[in-house]
Amino acid sequence: MQLMPDSPLRRVALEVEAHVTAEGWDQKPRLFALVTTADLIAHEPDLAKQLDPQPGGITPVEQELPDDRELEDLLTDIVWPESVTGCAVVVERIMLPPEAEESLPDDPDELFAVAAAHPDRREVRLVAAVTRDGAAHSAVRVRTPEDAELLEGPDLVPGLIEHLRRTLA
């Protein structure tokens, strides 16, 4: 197992992953604004006792998402204010082996049904976090086995990272 270099972004991505994992599987997508902990404490001093004010620390603030839109569509409309340092998202997806892609239908409804029924499917939870300076960190957890190792790195989910970066432009 190779350890990733530590950073405030890595720590907050793993914090978000642990928070969502504690609530189990079969969750809707979750979106978090990432704010500098020092700035948050300066604006909300009562939070100082609950937050770890380490230098460069980042705090996730969960956002409510509408139920009537797909995450990828919603991300095209989001523009974060300058007070937001970055953002993170958590989604659950079904992954198939590359050899299964050739036989997949084009229709989205059929695609989901075929993927869900595929014998080699793997359910995964994807976490992507980015900051305005271009840094990114991601994590992937498979649903089974229950004790599967959390995979992490700067570019495990490049498409999701790109969606998030556009919200910060």
Protein backbone atom coordinates (compact mmCIF):
# COMPACT_ATOMS: atom_id res chain seq x y z
CA MET A 1 0.00 0.00 0.00
CA GLN A 2 1.43 3.35 -1.07
CA LEU A 3 0.62 6.30 1.15
CA MET A 4 -0.46 9.52 -0.52
CA PRO A 5 1.28 12.77 0.43
CA ASP A 6 -0.77 14.47 3.11
CA SER A 7 -2.44 17.83 2.48
CA PRO A 8 -5.46 19.74 3.76
CA LEU A 9 -7.36 18.74 0.59
CA ARG A 10 -6.56 15.05 1.08
CA ARG A 11 -7.64 15.22 4.72
CA VAL A 12 -10.95 16.88 3.89
CA ALA A 13 -11.66 14.43 1.04
CA LEU A 14 -11.09 11.52 3.42
CA GLU A 15 -13.19 13.23 6.11
CA VAL A 16 -16.08 13.58 3.66
CA GLU A 17 -15.69 9.95 2.59
CA ALA A 18 -15.73 8.74 6.21
CA HIS A 19 -18.76 10.91 7.02
CA VAL A 20 -20.77 9.53 4.11
CA THR A 21 -19.57 5.95 4.67
CA ALA A 22 -20.81 6.08 8.26
CA GLU A 23 -24.34 6.50 6.88
CA GLY A 24 -24.19 3.34 4.75
CA TRP A 25 -24.90 2.66 1.09
CA ASP A 26 -27.69 3.55 -1.35
CA GLN A 27 -27.38 7.29 -0.82
CA LYS A 28 -28.15 10.13 -3.18
CA PRO A 29 -25.24 12.27 -4.42
CA ARG A 30 -23.86 14.67 -1.83
CA LEU A 31 -22.16 17.99 -2.50
CA PHE A 32 -19.92 19.96 -0.15
CA ALA A 33 -18.55 23.49 -0.30
CA LEU A 34 -15.00 23.56 1.03
CA VAL A 35 -14.09 26.61 3.06
CA THR A 36 -10.93 27.62 4.85
CA THR A 37 -11.39 26.67 8.50
CA ALA A 38 -9.76 29.89 9.75
CA ASP A 39 -12.18 31.99 7.64
CA LEU A 40 -15.16 29.98 8.88
CA ILE A 41 -14.12 30.47 12.51
CA ALA A 42 -13.58 34.20 11.89
CA HIS A 43 -17.18 34.49 10.59
CA GLU A 44 -18.68 32.01 13.07
CA PRO A 45 -16.62 32.16 16.30
CA ASP A 46 -19.00 29.76 18.07
CA LEU A 47 -17.73 26.98 15.78
CA ALA A 48 -14.16 27.27 17.10
CA LYS A 49 -14.72 24.55 19.70
CA GLN A 50 -16.01 22.09 17.07
CA LEU A 51 -13.37 22.67 14.38
CA ASP A 52 -9.67 21.90 14.24
CA PRO A 53 -7.99 25.20 13.35
CA GLN A 54 -4.79 23.67 11.94
CA PRO A 55 -2.90 25.89 9.48
CA GLY A 56 -4.39 25.68 6.00
CA GLY A 57 -7.27 23.53 7.27
CA ILE A 58 -10.37 23.08 5.14
CA THR A 59 -13.89 22.43 6.43
CA PRO A 60 -16.63 20.77 4.35
CA VAL A 61 -20.10 22.35 4.42
CA GLU A 62 -22.79 20.09 2.99
CA GLN A 63 -25.17 21.64 0.44
CA GLU A 64 -28.77 20.65 -0.16
CA LEU A 65 -29.38 19.23 -3.62
CA PRO A 66 -32.68 19.26 -5.48
CA ASP A 67 -34.22 15.85 -6.08
CA ASP A 68 -35.36 16.65 -9.62
CA ARG A 69 -31.95 16.96 -11.34
CA GLU A 70 -29.04 14.66 -12.08
CA LEU A 71 -25.79 15.68 -10.40
CA GLU A 72 -23.83 16.17 -13.63
CA ASP A 73 -26.56 18.47 -14.96
CA LEU A 74 -26.71 20.41 -11.69
CA LEU A 75 -22.95 20.95 -11.67
CA THR A 76 -23.18 22.81 -14.99
CA ASP A 77 -25.19 25.55 -13.23
CA ILE A 78 -23.16 25.93 -10.04
CA VAL A 79 -20.76 28.83 -9.61
CA TRP A 80 -19.25 29.10 -6.14
CA PRO A 81 -18.62 32.49 -4.49
CA GLU A 82 -15.00 33.51 -3.84
CA SER A 83 -15.39 32.59 -0.15
CA VAL A 84 -15.52 28.92 -1.20
CA THR A 85 -12.02 27.46 -1.46
CA GLY A 86 -13.14 24.34 -3.29
CA CYS A 87 -15.82 21.69 -3.46
CA ALA A 88 -16.31 17.97 -3.05
CA VAL A 89 -18.88 15.49 -4.25
CA VAL A 90 -19.75 11.92 -3.30
CA VAL A 91 -21.65 9.65 -5.69
CA GLU A 92 -22.41 5.96 -5.92
CA ARG A 93 -22.06 4.28 -9.29
CA ILE A 94 -21.98 0.89 -10.94
CA MET A 95 -18.72 0.03 -12.66
CA LEU A 96 -18.33 -2.65 -15.29
CA PRO A 97 -15.18 -4.26 -16.63
CA PRO A 98 -13.89 -2.70 -19.89
CA GLU A 99 -14.84 -5.74 -21.97
CA ALA A 100 -18.52 -5.22 -21.03
CA GLU A 101 -18.65 -1.74 -22.59
CA GLU A 102 -18.90 -3.01 -26.19
CA SER A 103 -22.29 -4.62 -25.60
CA LEU A 104 -23.92 -1.75 -23.68
CA PRO A 105 -27.04 -0.06 -25.08
CA ASP A 106 -27.10 3.67 -25.86
CA ASP A 107 -30.44 4.36 -24.17
CA PRO A 108 -29.76 5.59 -20.59
CA ASP A 109 -32.65 3.64 -19.05
CA GLU A 110 -31.63 0.42 -20.77
CA LEU A 111 -28.00 1.08 -19.90
CA PHE A 112 -28.79 1.28 -16.19
CA ALA A 113 -30.86 -1.91 -16.27
CA VAL A 114 -28.15 -3.83 -18.16
CA ALA A 115 -25.37 -2.52 -15.88
CA ALA A 116 -27.35 -3.31 -12.72
CA ALA A 117 -27.96 -6.88 -13.88
CA HIS A 118 -24.44 -7.54 -15.19
CA PRO A 119 -22.76 -10.40 -13.27
CA ASP A 120 -19.39 -8.59 -13.14
CA ARG A 121 -20.71 -5.24 -11.92
CA ARG A 122 -19.13 -3.51 -8.94
CA GLU A 123 -20.90 -0.93 -6.87
CA VAL A 124 -18.57 1.89 -5.87
CA ARG A 125 -18.64 5.14 -3.94
CA LEU A 126 -16.63 7.90 -5.61
CA VAL A 127 -15.33 10.98 -3.82
CA ALA A 128 -13.81 13.89 -5.69
CA ALA A 129 -12.52 17.12 -4.15
CA VAL A 130 -10.90 20.11 -5.83
CA THR A 131 -9.65 23.55 -4.85
CA ARG A 132 -9.39 26.80 -6.76
CA ASP A 133 -5.62 26.39 -7.10
CA GLY A 134 -6.19 23.29 -9.26
CA ALA A 135 -5.40 20.64 -6.65
CA ALA A 136 -7.55 17.51 -6.60
CA HIS A 137 -7.95 14.40 -4.50
CA SER A 138 -10.23 11.44 -5.04
CA ALA A 139 -11.18 8.20 -3.34
CA VAL A 140 -12.96 5.06 -4.44
CA ARG A 141 -14.56 2.48 -2.14
CA VAL A 142 -16.14 -0.72 -3.46
CA ARG A 143 -19.25 -1.98 -1.73
CA THR A 144 -18.08 -5.56 -1.38
CA PRO A 145 -16.21 -6.96 0.28
CA GLU A 146 -17.13 -4.86 3.28
CA ASP A 147 -13.50 -4.54 4.38
CA ALA A 148 -12.21 -3.50 0.94
CA GLU A 149 -9.33 -1.05 0.98
CA LEU A 150 -10.12 2.58 0.20
CA LEU A 151 -8.26 3.59 -2.96
CA GLU A 152 -7.15 7.20 -3.18
CA GLY A 153 -5.16 9.51 -5.38
CA PRO A 154 -5.25 12.83 -7.21
CA ASP A 155 -6.89 11.55 -10.40
CA LEU A 156 -8.92 8.37 -9.84
CA VAL A 157 -12.14 9.97 -11.14
CA PRO A 158 -10.97 12.49 -13.77
CA GLY A 159 -14.41 13.19 -15.28
CA LEU A 160 -15.93 14.06 -11.92
CA ILE A 161 -12.92 16.20 -11.02
CA GLU A 162 -13.31 18.15 -14.27
CA HIS A 163 -17.02 18.76 -13.55
CA LEU A 164 -16.09 20.15 -10.14
CA ARG A 165 -13.27 22.33 -11.49
CA ARG A 166 -15.70 24.04 -13.87
CA THR A 167 -17.84 25.13 -10.90
CA LEU A 168 -14.86 27.07 -9.53
CA ALA A 169 -13.93 28.88 -12.75
